[in-house]
Amino acid sequence: MNNNVSVKIAVAETSVIIRSGLTTVLKRLPNLNVMPIEVSSPESLQSYIHLHTPDILIVNPAFGGWFDLPAFKVENGKVETKYLALVCSVIDSNSLKEYDDHLSICDDPETIATKINQLLCTDDEEEKESEQETLSQREKEIITCVVKGMTNKAIADQLYLSIHTVITHRRNIARKLQIHSPAGLTIYAIVNKLVELQDIKDNL
């Protein structure tokens, strides 16, 4: 995480000792430029969230008696915000399922920094994964040709590409799909409706 980037973190906790203590720790985390805001009541949280979108909201599940995270998400629609439960006492683990992760008041600064970094990097990693798994239109065309039994040279001629480019595309397809055989590609192409079964029956 680039420490030049400011990270907005709201801490919702009724106990001033816990809230201020965590805020102090957040400010001192290495390689993170955290801008924490302390929130002491449900009313203050609603006022803050109405005007701001924090990167992370750290909230005690017992905040305001009981913090209804699903209802809060629906009401405020802050899809960009990640939610960390602040566990200060024994709590049912099922109540933490709605949160992206949780912190304990016993966690050391290194653990807190690791969890925050993981939350901040999640979106970038998911986007990269999505890019890797998504086939381009050209790659789909090449799969169609492969499952029809065409050679690399025939594919290159039909799509006006060099053989080297076709081979490169096929390597990328294998990497993205983790499929390394024509038979596997055939099944993929049929399931994803890239070809009709009748188009390839002679090659099965």
N, C-alpha and C. Protein backbone atom coordinates (compact mmCIF):
# COMPACT_ATOMS: atom_id res chain seq x y z
N MET A 1 0.84 -1.19 0.00
CA MET A 1 0.00 0.00 0.00
C MET A 1 0.87 1.24 0.00
N ASN A 2 0.60 2.16 -0.87
CA ASN A 2 1.36 3.40 -0.97
C ASN A 2 1.05 4.30 0.21
N ASN A 3 2.07 4.63 1.02
CA ASN A 3 1.79 5.43 2.20
C ASN A 3 1.50 6.88 1.88
N ASN A 4 1.56 7.28 0.61
CA ASN A 4 1.18 8.63 0.23
C ASN A 4 -0.33 8.75 0.08
N VAL A 5 -1.01 7.62 0.00
CA VAL A 5 -2.45 7.61 -0.17
C VAL A 5 -3.11 7.64 1.20
N SER A 6 -4.03 8.59 1.40
CA SER A 6 -4.72 8.69 2.67
C SER A 6 -5.83 7.65 2.74
N VAL A 7 -5.92 6.99 3.89
CA VAL A 7 -6.96 5.98 4.11
C VAL A 7 -7.93 6.52 5.15
N LYS A 8 -9.18 6.68 4.75
CA LYS A 8 -10.19 7.19 5.67
C LYS A 8 -10.83 6.04 6.44
N ILE A 9 -10.65 6.06 7.76
CA ILE A 9 -11.19 5.01 8.61
C ILE A 9 -12.03 5.63 9.72
N ALA A 10 -13.28 5.21 9.82
CA ALA A 10 -14.15 5.65 10.90
C ALA A 10 -14.18 4.57 11.98
N VAL A 11 -14.07 4.98 13.23
CA VAL A 11 -14.09 4.05 14.36
C VAL A 11 -15.34 4.32 15.18
N ALA A 12 -16.29 3.38 15.13
CA ALA A 12 -17.55 3.54 15.86
C ALA A 12 -17.53 2.67 17.11
N GLU A 13 -17.39 3.33 18.24
CA GLU A 13 -17.27 2.62 19.53
C GLU A 13 -17.70 3.58 20.64
N THR A 14 -18.53 3.12 21.56
CA THR A 14 -19.03 4.00 22.61
C THR A 14 -17.99 4.27 23.69
N SER A 15 -17.09 3.30 23.93
CA SER A 15 -16.07 3.49 24.97
C SER A 15 -14.98 4.44 24.47
N VAL A 16 -14.81 5.55 25.15
CA VAL A 16 -13.81 6.53 24.73
C VAL A 16 -12.40 5.97 24.85
N ILE A 17 -12.16 5.11 25.83
CA ILE A 17 -10.82 4.54 26.01
C ILE A 17 -10.47 3.64 24.83
N ILE A 18 -11.38 2.75 24.48
CA ILE A 18 -11.12 1.84 23.36
C ILE A 18 -11.05 2.61 22.05
N ARG A 19 -12.00 3.52 21.85
CA ARG A 19 -12.07 4.29 20.59
C ARG A 19 -10.82 5.13 20.39
N SER A 20 -10.44 5.88 21.40
CA SER A 20 -9.27 6.75 21.28
C SER A 20 -7.98 5.94 21.20
N GLY A 21 -7.95 4.83 21.93
CA GLY A 21 -6.76 3.98 21.88
C GLY A 21 -6.54 3.41 20.49
N LEU A 22 -7.62 2.90 19.87
CA LEU A 22 -7.50 2.36 18.51
C LEU A 22 -7.14 3.44 17.51
N THR A 23 -7.72 4.61 17.68
CA THR A 23 -7.42 5.74 16.79
C THR A 23 -5.94 6.10 16.84
N THR A 24 -5.38 6.09 18.04
CA THR A 24 -3.95 6.39 18.21
C THR A 24 -3.09 5.35 17.50
N VAL A 25 -3.47 4.07 17.66
CA VAL A 25 -2.74 2.98 17.00
C VAL A 25 -2.81 3.14 15.48
N LEU A 26 -3.99 3.46 14.97
CA LEU A 26 -4.18 3.60 13.52
C LEU A 26 -3.28 4.70 12.95
N LYS A 27 -3.15 5.80 13.68
CA LYS A 27 -2.32 6.92 13.22
C LYS A 27 -0.84 6.55 13.15
N ARG A 28 -0.44 5.57 13.95
CA ARG A 28 0.97 5.20 14.04
C ARG A 28 1.35 3.99 13.19
N LEU A 29 0.38 3.44 12.46
CA LEU A 29 0.68 2.25 11.66
C LEU A 29 1.71 2.57 10.58
N PRO A 30 2.73 1.73 10.43
CA PRO A 30 3.77 1.98 9.42
C PRO A 30 3.23 1.77 8.01
N ASN A 31 3.71 2.57 7.08
CA ASN A 31 3.37 2.45 5.65
C ASN A 31 1.89 2.69 5.34
N LEU A 32 1.19 3.28 6.29
CA LEU A 32 -0.22 3.63 6.06
C LEU A 32 -0.46 5.05 6.55
N ASN A 33 -1.06 5.86 5.71
CA ASN A 33 -1.40 7.23 6.10
C ASN A 33 -2.88 7.26 6.46
N VAL A 34 -3.16 6.83 7.69
CA VAL A 34 -4.56 6.70 8.12
C VAL A 34 -5.10 8.02 8.65
N MET A 35 -6.29 8.36 8.20
CA MET A 35 -7.00 9.53 8.70
C MET A 35 -8.24 9.03 9.45
N PRO A 36 -8.09 8.76 10.77
CA PRO A 36 -9.21 8.19 11.52
C PRO A 36 -10.19 9.26 12.00
N ILE A 37 -11.44 8.86 12.11
CA ILE A 37 -12.46 9.72 12.69
C ILE A 37 -13.16 8.92 13.78
N GLU A 38 -13.32 9.52 14.94
CA GLU A 38 -13.97 8.84 16.05
C GLU A 38 -15.47 9.10 16.04
N VAL A 39 -16.25 8.03 16.19
CA VAL A 39 -17.71 8.14 16.22
C VAL A 39 -18.20 7.49 17.51
N SER A 40 -18.93 8.25 18.32
CA SER A 40 -19.28 7.78 19.66
C SER A 40 -20.71 7.31 19.82
N SER A 41 -21.57 7.56 18.81
CA SER A 41 -22.97 7.17 18.95
C SER A 41 -23.56 6.83 17.58
N PRO A 42 -24.65 6.05 17.55
CA PRO A 42 -25.30 5.74 16.28
C PRO A 42 -25.74 6.98 15.52
N GLU A 43 -26.18 7.99 16.25
CA GLU A 43 -26.61 9.23 15.61
C GLU A 43 -25.43 9.93 14.93
N SER A 44 -24.29 9.94 15.61
CA SER A 44 -23.08 10.55 15.03
C SER A 44 -22.63 9.78 13.79
N LEU A 45 -22.78 8.46 13.84
CA LEU A 45 -22.39 7.63 12.69
C LEU A 45 -23.26 7.94 11.49
N GLN A 46 -24.56 8.06 11.71
CA GLN A 46 -25.48 8.38 10.61
C GLN A 46 -25.15 9.74 10.01
N SER A 47 -24.85 10.71 10.85
CA SER A 47 -24.50 12.04 10.36
C SER A 47 -23.23 12.02 9.54
N TYR A 48 -22.23 11.27 10.06
CA TYR A 48 -20.94 11.17 9.35
C TYR A 48 -21.10 10.46 8.02
N ILE A 49 -21.79 9.31 8.04
CA ILE A 49 -21.89 8.49 6.83
C ILE A 49 -22.73 9.17 5.77
N HIS A 50 -23.61 10.07 6.18
CA HIS A 50 -24.44 10.81 5.23
C HIS A 50 -23.58 11.75 4.38
N LEU A 51 -22.49 12.24 4.97
CA LEU A 51 -21.65 13.24 4.30
C LEU A 51 -20.34 12.66 3.76
N HIS A 52 -19.93 11.50 4.27
CA HIS A 52 -18.62 10.95 3.91
C HIS A 52 -18.73 9.47 3.56
N THR A 53 -17.74 9.01 2.79
CA THR A 53 -17.63 7.58 2.48
C THR A 53 -16.25 7.09 2.93
N PRO A 54 -16.19 6.49 4.11
CA PRO A 54 -14.89 6.00 4.59
C PRO A 54 -14.45 4.79 3.79
N ASP A 55 -13.14 4.59 3.72
CA ASP A 55 -12.62 3.38 3.08
C ASP A 55 -12.96 2.16 3.94
N ILE A 56 -12.85 2.36 5.24
CA ILE A 56 -13.13 1.27 6.19
C ILE A 56 -13.93 1.83 7.37
N LEU A 57 -14.95 1.09 7.78
CA LEU A 57 -15.67 1.42 9.01
C LEU A 57 -15.38 0.31 10.02
N ILE A 58 -14.72 0.70 11.11
CA ILE A 58 -14.46 -0.24 12.21
C ILE A 58 -15.54 0.00 13.25
N VAL A 59 -16.34 -1.03 13.52
CA VAL A 59 -17.48 -0.84 14.41
C VAL A 59 -17.63 -2.01 15.37
N ASN A 60 -17.94 -1.70 16.61
CA ASN A 60 -18.22 -2.73 17.60
C ASN A 60 -19.60 -3.32 17.29
N PRO A 61 -19.71 -4.65 17.14
CA PRO A 61 -21.02 -5.25 16.86
C PRO A 61 -22.07 -4.90 17.91
N ALA A 62 -21.62 -4.51 19.11
CA ALA A 62 -22.56 -4.12 20.18
C ALA A 62 -22.80 -2.61 20.19
N PHE A 63 -22.36 -1.92 19.16
CA PHE A 63 -22.50 -0.46 19.06
C PHE A 63 -23.98 -0.09 19.04
N GLY A 64 -24.38 0.79 19.97
CA GLY A 64 -25.77 1.22 20.03
C GLY A 64 -26.70 0.12 20.51
N GLY A 65 -26.17 -0.82 21.30
CA GLY A 65 -26.96 -1.95 21.75
C GLY A 65 -26.69 -3.16 20.88
N TRP A 66 -26.98 -3.02 19.58
CA TRP A 66 -26.62 -4.04 18.59
C TRP A 66 -26.57 -3.39 17.23
N PHE A 67 -25.43 -3.53 16.54
CA PHE A 67 -25.27 -2.87 15.25
C PHE A 67 -25.75 -3.80 14.14
N ASP A 68 -26.83 -3.40 13.49
CA ASP A 68 -27.42 -4.21 12.41
C ASP A 68 -26.73 -3.84 11.09
N LEU A 69 -25.65 -4.53 10.79
CA LEU A 69 -24.86 -4.20 9.61
C LEU A 69 -25.62 -4.37 8.29
N PRO A 70 -26.35 -5.47 8.08
CA PRO A 70 -27.10 -5.61 6.82
C PRO A 70 -28.06 -4.45 6.59
N ALA A 71 -28.79 -4.05 7.64
CA ALA A 71 -29.73 -2.93 7.51
C ALA A 71 -28.98 -1.63 7.24
N PHE A 72 -27.83 -1.47 7.88
CA PHE A 72 -27.02 -0.26 7.69
C PHE A 72 -26.54 -0.15 6.24
N LYS A 73 -26.11 -1.29 5.68
CA LYS A 73 -25.64 -1.31 4.29
C LYS A 73 -26.77 -0.93 3.33
N VAL A 74 -27.95 -1.49 3.57
CA VAL A 74 -29.10 -1.21 2.71
C VAL A 74 -29.49 0.26 2.79
N GLU A 75 -29.50 0.78 4.01
CA GLU A 75 -29.94 2.16 4.22
C GLU A 75 -28.97 3.18 3.64
N ASN A 76 -27.67 2.89 3.74
CA ASN A 76 -26.68 3.89 3.35
C ASN A 76 -26.01 3.61 2.00
N GLY A 77 -26.06 2.38 1.54
CA GLY A 77 -25.58 2.05 0.20
C GLY A 77 -24.12 2.37 -0.06
N LYS A 78 -23.28 2.29 0.95
CA LYS A 78 -21.85 2.59 0.77
C LYS A 78 -21.12 1.32 0.31
N VAL A 79 -21.27 1.00 -0.96
CA VAL A 79 -20.70 -0.26 -1.46
C VAL A 79 -19.18 -0.25 -1.46
N GLU A 80 -18.56 0.95 -1.48
CA GLU A 80 -17.10 1.02 -1.52
C GLU A 80 -16.48 0.75 -0.16
N THR A 81 -17.26 0.95 0.90
CA THR A 81 -16.74 0.84 2.26
C THR A 81 -16.59 -0.61 2.70
N LYS A 82 -15.45 -0.91 3.34
CA LYS A 82 -15.22 -2.22 3.93
C LYS A 82 -15.56 -2.13 5.42
N TYR A 83 -16.03 -3.25 5.99
CA TYR A 83 -16.49 -3.23 7.37
C TYR A 83 -15.68 -4.20 8.24
N LEU A 84 -15.08 -3.64 9.28
CA LEU A 84 -14.30 -4.42 10.24
C LEU A 84 -15.03 -4.43 11.58
N ALA A 85 -15.29 -5.61 12.11
CA ALA A 85 -15.89 -5.70 13.44
C ALA A 85 -14.80 -5.49 14.49
N LEU A 86 -15.11 -4.68 15.49
CA LEU A 86 -14.19 -4.45 16.60
C LEU A 86 -14.66 -5.30 17.78
N VAL A 87 -13.99 -6.42 18.00
CA VAL A 87 -14.42 -7.37 19.03
C VAL A 87 -13.76 -7.02 20.36
N CYS A 88 -14.60 -6.63 21.32
CA CYS A 88 -14.09 -6.22 22.63
C CYS A 88 -14.47 -7.20 23.73
N SER A 89 -15.28 -8.19 23.39
CA SER A 89 -15.72 -9.17 24.39
C SER A 89 -16.07 -10.47 23.68
N VAL A 90 -16.46 -11.48 24.43
CA VAL A 90 -16.85 -12.75 23.83
C VAL A 90 -18.10 -12.52 22.98
N ILE A 91 -18.08 -13.04 21.74
CA ILE A 91 -19.19 -12.79 20.83
C ILE A 91 -19.41 -14.02 19.95
N ASP A 92 -20.64 -14.22 19.56
CA ASP A 92 -20.98 -15.34 18.68
C ASP A 92 -20.34 -15.11 17.32
N SER A 93 -19.57 -16.08 16.85
CA SER A 93 -18.86 -15.93 15.57
C SER A 93 -19.82 -15.75 14.40
N ASN A 94 -21.05 -16.26 14.52
CA ASN A 94 -22.03 -16.11 13.44
C ASN A 94 -22.38 -14.64 13.20
N SER A 95 -22.27 -13.84 14.26
CA SER A 95 -22.62 -12.43 14.12
C SER A 95 -21.56 -11.65 13.35
N LEU A 96 -20.41 -12.28 13.09
CA LEU A 96 -19.32 -11.60 12.37
C LEU A 96 -19.34 -11.91 10.87
N LYS A 97 -20.25 -12.77 10.43
CA LYS A 97 -20.24 -13.21 9.04
C LYS A 97 -20.51 -12.08 8.05
N GLU A 98 -21.26 -11.07 8.47
CA GLU A 98 -21.59 -9.97 7.57
C GLU A 98 -20.41 -9.01 7.36
N TYR A 99 -19.42 -9.10 8.24
CA TYR A 99 -18.28 -8.20 8.18
C TYR A 99 -17.20 -8.74 7.23
N ASP A 100 -16.40 -7.83 6.68
CA ASP A 100 -15.31 -8.25 5.79
C ASP A 100 -14.18 -8.90 6.58
N ASP A 101 -14.02 -8.49 7.84
CA ASP A 101 -13.01 -9.08 8.72
C ASP A 101 -13.28 -8.54 10.12
N HIS A 102 -12.46 -8.91 11.08
CA HIS A 102 -12.66 -8.39 12.43
C HIS A 102 -11.32 -8.14 13.11
N LEU A 103 -11.35 -7.20 14.04
CA LEU A 103 -10.20 -6.90 14.88
C LEU A 103 -10.56 -7.23 16.32
N SER A 104 -9.55 -7.60 17.08
CA SER A 104 -9.73 -7.82 18.51
C SER A 104 -8.94 -6.74 19.24
N ILE A 105 -9.42 -6.36 20.42
CA ILE A 105 -8.68 -5.35 21.18
C ILE A 105 -7.33 -5.91 21.64
N CYS A 106 -7.14 -7.22 21.47
CA CYS A 106 -5.85 -7.84 21.83
C CYS A 106 -4.87 -7.86 20.65
N ASP A 107 -5.32 -7.47 19.46
CA ASP A 107 -4.44 -7.50 18.28
C ASP A 107 -3.31 -6.50 18.41
N ASP A 108 -2.13 -6.88 17.93
CA ASP A 108 -1.01 -5.94 17.94
C ASP A 108 -1.06 -5.08 16.67
N PRO A 109 -0.30 -3.98 16.64
CA PRO A 109 -0.33 -3.08 15.48
C PRO A 109 -0.03 -3.76 14.15
N GLU A 110 0.89 -4.74 14.18
CA GLU A 110 1.24 -5.44 12.94
C GLU A 110 0.04 -6.20 12.38
N THR A 111 -0.71 -6.86 13.25
CA THR A 111 -1.90 -7.61 12.83
C THR A 111 -2.95 -6.65 12.27
N ILE A 112 -3.14 -5.54 12.95
CA ILE A 112 -4.13 -4.55 12.50
C ILE A 112 -3.74 -4.01 11.13
N ALA A 113 -2.46 -3.69 10.95
CA ALA A 113 -1.98 -3.16 9.67
C ALA A 113 -2.17 -4.18 8.55
N THR A 114 -1.90 -5.46 8.85
CA THR A 114 -2.05 -6.52 7.85
C THR A 114 -3.50 -6.64 7.40
N LYS A 115 -4.42 -6.63 8.34
CA LYS A 115 -5.84 -6.76 8.01
C LYS A 115 -6.34 -5.57 7.20
N ILE A 116 -5.90 -4.39 7.55
CA ILE A 116 -6.32 -3.19 6.82
C ILE A 116 -5.76 -3.23 5.39
N ASN A 117 -4.50 -3.61 5.26
CA ASN A 117 -3.90 -3.70 3.92
C ASN A 117 -4.63 -4.73 3.06
N GLN A 118 -4.99 -5.84 3.66
CA GLN A 118 -5.71 -6.88 2.91
C GLN A 118 -7.05 -6.37 2.41
N LEU A 119 -7.75 -5.63 3.24
CA LEU A 119 -9.04 -5.07 2.83
C LEU A 119 -8.88 -4.06 1.71
N LEU A 120 -7.85 -3.24 1.81
CA LEU A 120 -7.64 -2.20 0.80
C LEU A 120 -7.19 -2.77 -0.53
N CYS A 121 -6.55 -3.94 -0.50
CA CYS A 121 -6.04 -4.55 -1.73
C CYS A 121 -7.04 -5.50 -2.38
N THR A 122 -8.10 -5.86 -1.67
CA THR A 122 -9.05 -6.85 -2.17
C THR A 122 -9.62 -6.47 -3.52
N ASP A 123 -10.06 -5.22 -3.67
CA ASP A 123 -10.70 -4.80 -4.92
C ASP A 123 -9.75 -4.90 -6.10
N ASP A 124 -8.49 -4.49 -5.89
CA ASP A 124 -7.50 -4.54 -6.97
C ASP A 124 -7.25 -5.99 -7.39
N GLU A 125 -7.16 -6.90 -6.40
CA GLU A 125 -6.89 -8.29 -6.71
C GLU A 125 -8.06 -8.93 -7.45
N GLU A 126 -9.28 -8.59 -7.01
CA GLU A 126 -10.46 -9.15 -7.68
C GLU A 126 -10.54 -8.67 -9.11
N GLU A 127 -10.16 -7.39 -9.31
CA GLU A 127 -10.21 -6.83 -10.66
C GLU A 127 -9.20 -7.54 -11.55
N LYS A 128 -8.00 -7.79 -11.01
CA LYS A 128 -6.97 -8.48 -11.80
C LYS A 128 -7.41 -9.90 -12.13
N GLU A 129 -8.02 -10.58 -11.14
CA GLU A 129 -8.51 -11.94 -11.36
C GLU A 129 -9.54 -11.95 -12.45
N SER A 130 -10.43 -10.95 -12.39
CA SER A 130 -11.50 -10.88 -13.38
C SER A 130 -10.93 -10.67 -14.77
N GLU A 131 -9.89 -9.81 -14.86
CA GLU A 131 -9.27 -9.53 -16.15
C GLU A 131 -8.62 -10.80 -16.70
N GLN A 132 -8.01 -11.59 -15.81
CA GLN A 132 -7.34 -12.81 -16.25
C GLN A 132 -8.34 -13.84 -16.76
N GLU A 133 -9.50 -13.90 -16.14
CA GLU A 133 -10.47 -14.92 -16.48
C GLU A 133 -11.31 -14.55 -17.70
N THR A 134 -11.38 -13.27 -18.03
CA THR A 134 -12.22 -12.83 -19.13
C THR A 134 -11.50 -13.01 -20.46
N LEU A 135 -12.14 -13.69 -21.37
CA LEU A 135 -11.57 -13.91 -22.70
C LEU A 135 -11.92 -12.75 -23.61
N SER A 136 -10.98 -12.37 -24.46
CA SER A 136 -11.26 -11.35 -25.47
C SER A 136 -12.08 -11.99 -26.60
N GLN A 137 -12.67 -11.15 -27.43
CA GLN A 137 -13.45 -11.67 -28.56
C GLN A 137 -12.58 -12.48 -29.51
N ARG A 138 -11.34 -12.04 -29.70
CA ARG A 138 -10.40 -12.76 -30.57
C ARG A 138 -10.10 -14.15 -30.01
N GLU A 139 -9.91 -14.22 -28.69
CA GLU A 139 -9.62 -15.52 -28.06
C GLU A 139 -10.81 -16.47 -28.20
N LYS A 140 -12.02 -15.93 -28.11
CA LYS A 140 -13.21 -16.77 -28.31
C LYS A 140 -13.26 -17.31 -29.74
N GLU A 141 -12.89 -16.45 -30.69
CA GLU A 141 -12.86 -16.87 -32.10
C GLU A 141 -11.86 -18.00 -32.30
N ILE A 142 -10.70 -17.88 -31.63
CA ILE A 142 -9.66 -18.90 -31.77
C ILE A 142 -10.11 -20.22 -31.13
N ILE A 143 -10.79 -20.15 -29.98
CA ILE A 143 -11.32 -21.37 -29.36
C ILE A 143 -12.27 -22.06 -30.33
N THR A 144 -13.13 -21.29 -30.95
CA THR A 144 -14.09 -21.85 -31.92
C THR A 144 -13.37 -22.58 -33.04
N CYS A 145 -12.31 -21.97 -33.53
CA CYS A 145 -11.53 -22.60 -34.61
C CYS A 145 -10.84 -23.87 -34.13
N VAL A 146 -10.27 -23.83 -32.92
CA VAL A 146 -9.56 -24.99 -32.39
C VAL A 146 -10.49 -26.18 -32.24
N VAL A 147 -11.68 -25.95 -31.68
CA VAL A 147 -12.59 -27.07 -31.44
C VAL A 147 -13.20 -27.61 -32.74
N LYS A 148 -13.08 -26.82 -33.81
CA LYS A 148 -13.51 -27.31 -35.13
C LYS A 148 -12.42 -28.10 -35.83
N GLY A 149 -11.28 -28.24 -35.12
CA GLY A 149 -10.19 -29.07 -35.65
C GLY A 149 -9.23 -28.35 -36.56
N MET A 150 -9.25 -27.02 -36.58
CA MET A 150 -8.37 -26.26 -37.47
C MET A 150 -6.95 -26.21 -36.91
N THR A 151 -5.98 -26.21 -37.80
CA THR A 151 -4.57 -26.08 -37.39
C THR A 151 -4.26 -24.62 -37.11
N ASN A 152 -3.10 -24.39 -36.47
CA ASN A 152 -2.69 -23.02 -36.21
C ASN A 152 -2.59 -22.21 -37.49
N LYS A 153 -2.07 -22.84 -38.56
CA LYS A 153 -1.91 -22.14 -39.84
C LYS A 153 -3.28 -21.79 -40.43
N ALA A 154 -4.22 -22.73 -40.34
CA ALA A 154 -5.56 -22.47 -40.87
C ALA A 154 -6.26 -21.35 -40.09
N ILE A 155 -6.05 -21.35 -38.77
CA ILE A 155 -6.64 -20.29 -37.92
C ILE A 155 -6.03 -18.95 -38.30
N ALA A 156 -4.70 -18.94 -38.46
CA ALA A 156 -4.01 -17.70 -38.82
C ALA A 156 -4.51 -17.16 -40.16
N ASP A 157 -4.70 -18.05 -41.13
CA ASP A 157 -5.18 -17.62 -42.45
C ASP A 157 -6.60 -17.07 -42.37
N GLN A 158 -7.45 -17.74 -41.61
CA GLN A 158 -8.86 -17.32 -41.55
C GLN A 158 -9.02 -16.00 -40.82
N LEU A 159 -8.22 -15.79 -39.76
CA LEU A 159 -8.37 -14.58 -38.94
C LEU A 159 -7.36 -13.50 -39.30
N TYR A 160 -6.59 -13.75 -40.36
CA TYR A 160 -5.59 -12.77 -40.83
C TYR A 160 -4.58 -12.42 -39.73
N LEU A 161 -4.07 -13.47 -39.10
CA LEU A 161 -3.07 -13.32 -38.05
C LEU A 161 -1.83 -14.10 -38.43
N SER A 162 -0.73 -13.81 -37.73
CA SER A 162 0.47 -14.63 -37.91
C SER A 162 0.31 -15.89 -37.05
N ILE A 163 1.03 -16.94 -37.44
CA ILE A 163 0.97 -18.18 -36.64
C ILE A 163 1.46 -17.92 -35.22
N HIS A 164 2.49 -17.08 -35.11
CA HIS A 164 3.03 -16.74 -33.79
C HIS A 164 1.94 -16.11 -32.91
N THR A 165 1.14 -15.21 -33.49
CA THR A 165 0.06 -14.56 -32.73
C THR A 165 -0.98 -15.56 -32.29
N VAL A 166 -1.31 -16.50 -33.17
CA VAL A 166 -2.28 -17.55 -32.82
C VAL A 166 -1.77 -18.37 -31.65
N ILE A 167 -0.50 -18.75 -31.71
CA ILE A 167 0.09 -19.55 -30.63
C ILE A 167 0.06 -18.78 -29.31
N THR A 168 0.37 -17.48 -29.38
CA THR A 168 0.34 -16.63 -28.18
C THR A 168 -1.06 -16.58 -27.59
N HIS A 169 -2.06 -16.42 -28.46
CA HIS A 169 -3.45 -16.40 -28.00
C HIS A 169 -3.82 -17.72 -27.33
N ARG A 170 -3.37 -18.81 -27.92
CA ARG A 170 -3.71 -20.13 -27.36
C ARG A 170 -3.06 -20.32 -25.98
N ARG A 171 -1.84 -19.80 -25.82
CA ARG A 171 -1.20 -19.87 -24.51
C ARG A 171 -1.98 -19.06 -23.48
N ASN A 172 -2.43 -17.87 -23.90
CA ASN A 172 -3.20 -17.02 -22.99
C ASN A 172 -4.53 -17.68 -22.62
N ILE A 173 -5.15 -18.32 -23.59
CA ILE A 173 -6.42 -19.02 -23.33
C ILE A 173 -6.20 -20.14 -22.31
N ALA A 174 -5.14 -20.92 -22.51
CA ALA A 174 -4.83 -22.01 -21.58
C ALA A 174 -4.58 -21.48 -20.17
N ARG A 175 -3.87 -20.36 -20.09
CA ARG A 175 -3.57 -19.77 -18.77
C ARG A 175 -4.84 -19.26 -18.10
N LYS A 176 -5.67 -18.57 -18.85
CA LYS A 176 -6.88 -18.00 -18.27
C LYS A 176 -7.89 -19.07 -17.84
N LEU A 177 -8.06 -20.08 -18.68
CA LEU A 177 -9.07 -21.09 -18.41
C LEU A 177 -8.52 -22.30 -17.65
N GLN A 178 -7.19 -22.40 -17.59
CA GLN A 178 -6.55 -23.59 -16.99
C GLN A 178 -7.02 -24.86 -17.71
N ILE A 179 -7.17 -24.74 -19.03
CA ILE A 179 -7.54 -25.89 -19.87
C ILE A 179 -6.41 -26.08 -20.88
N HIS A 180 -5.85 -27.29 -20.93
CA HIS A 180 -4.66 -27.50 -21.75
C HIS A 180 -4.83 -28.58 -22.81
N SER A 181 -6.06 -28.92 -23.13
CA SER A 181 -6.29 -29.93 -24.17
C SER A 181 -7.44 -29.51 -25.07
N PRO A 182 -7.40 -29.93 -26.35
CA PRO A 182 -8.50 -29.62 -27.28
C PRO A 182 -9.84 -30.16 -26.77
N ALA A 183 -9.81 -31.33 -26.13
CA ALA A 183 -11.05 -31.91 -25.61
C ALA A 183 -11.65 -31.02 -24.52
N GLY A 184 -10.78 -30.49 -23.66
CA GLY A 184 -11.23 -29.59 -22.61
C GLY A 184 -11.81 -28.31 -23.18
N LEU A 185 -11.15 -27.79 -24.21
CA LEU A 185 -11.65 -26.58 -24.87
C LEU A 185 -13.00 -26.83 -25.54
N THR A 186 -13.14 -28.03 -26.09
CA THR A 186 -14.40 -28.39 -26.75
C THR A 186 -15.56 -28.34 -25.76
N ILE A 187 -15.35 -28.94 -24.60
CA ILE A 187 -16.39 -28.94 -23.57
C ILE A 187 -16.69 -27.51 -23.13
N TYR A 188 -15.63 -26.71 -22.93
CA TYR A 188 -15.81 -25.32 -22.53
C TYR A 188 -16.63 -24.56 -23.59
N ALA A 189 -16.28 -24.75 -24.86
CA ALA A 189 -16.94 -24.03 -25.94
C ALA A 189 -18.42 -24.39 -26.04
N ILE A 190 -18.74 -25.67 -25.83
CA ILE A 190 -20.14 -26.11 -25.90
C ILE A 190 -20.93 -25.53 -24.72
N VAL A 191 -20.36 -25.67 -23.52
CA VAL A 191 -21.05 -25.19 -22.32
C VAL A 191 -21.30 -23.68 -22.38
N ASN A 192 -20.33 -22.94 -22.94
CA ASN A 192 -20.45 -21.48 -23.00
C ASN A 192 -21.04 -20.99 -24.33
N LYS A 193 -21.58 -21.94 -25.11
CA LYS A 193 -22.30 -21.62 -26.35
C LYS A 193 -21.45 -20.85 -27.36
N LEU A 194 -20.15 -21.18 -27.39
CA LEU A 194 -19.29 -20.57 -28.42
C LEU A 194 -19.45 -21.32 -29.73
N VAL A 195 -19.87 -22.58 -29.64
CA VAL A 195 -20.11 -23.40 -30.83
C VAL A 195 -21.34 -24.27 -30.59
N GLU A 196 -21.93 -24.73 -31.68
CA GLU A 196 -23.02 -25.69 -31.60
C GLU A 196 -22.43 -27.10 -31.72
N LEU A 197 -23.05 -28.03 -31.08
CA LEU A 197 -22.57 -29.40 -31.10
C LEU A 197 -22.45 -29.94 -32.52
N GLN A 198 -23.40 -29.57 -33.37
CA GLN A 198 -23.38 -30.05 -34.75
C GLN A 198 -22.20 -29.51 -35.54
N ASP A 199 -21.65 -28.37 -35.09
CA ASP A 199 -20.50 -27.77 -35.80
C ASP A 199 -19.23 -28.58 -35.59
N ILE A 200 -19.19 -29.35 -34.53
CA ILE A 200 -17.93 -30.04 -34.20
C ILE A 200 -18.09 -31.55 -34.14
N LYS A 201 -19.26 -32.07 -34.53
CA LYS A 201 -19.50 -33.50 -34.38
C LYS A 201 -18.50 -34.35 -35.16
N ASP A 202 -18.00 -33.82 -36.28
CA ASP A 202 -17.04 -34.58 -37.07
C ASP A 202 -15.68 -34.69 -36.39
N ASN A 203 -15.43 -33.80 -35.39
CA ASN A 203 -14.12 -33.78 -34.74
C ASN A 203 -14.14 -34.48 -33.39
N LEU A 204 -15.33 -34.95 -32.96
CA LEU A 204 -15.42 -35.58 -31.66
C LEU A 204 -14.97 -37.03 -31.73
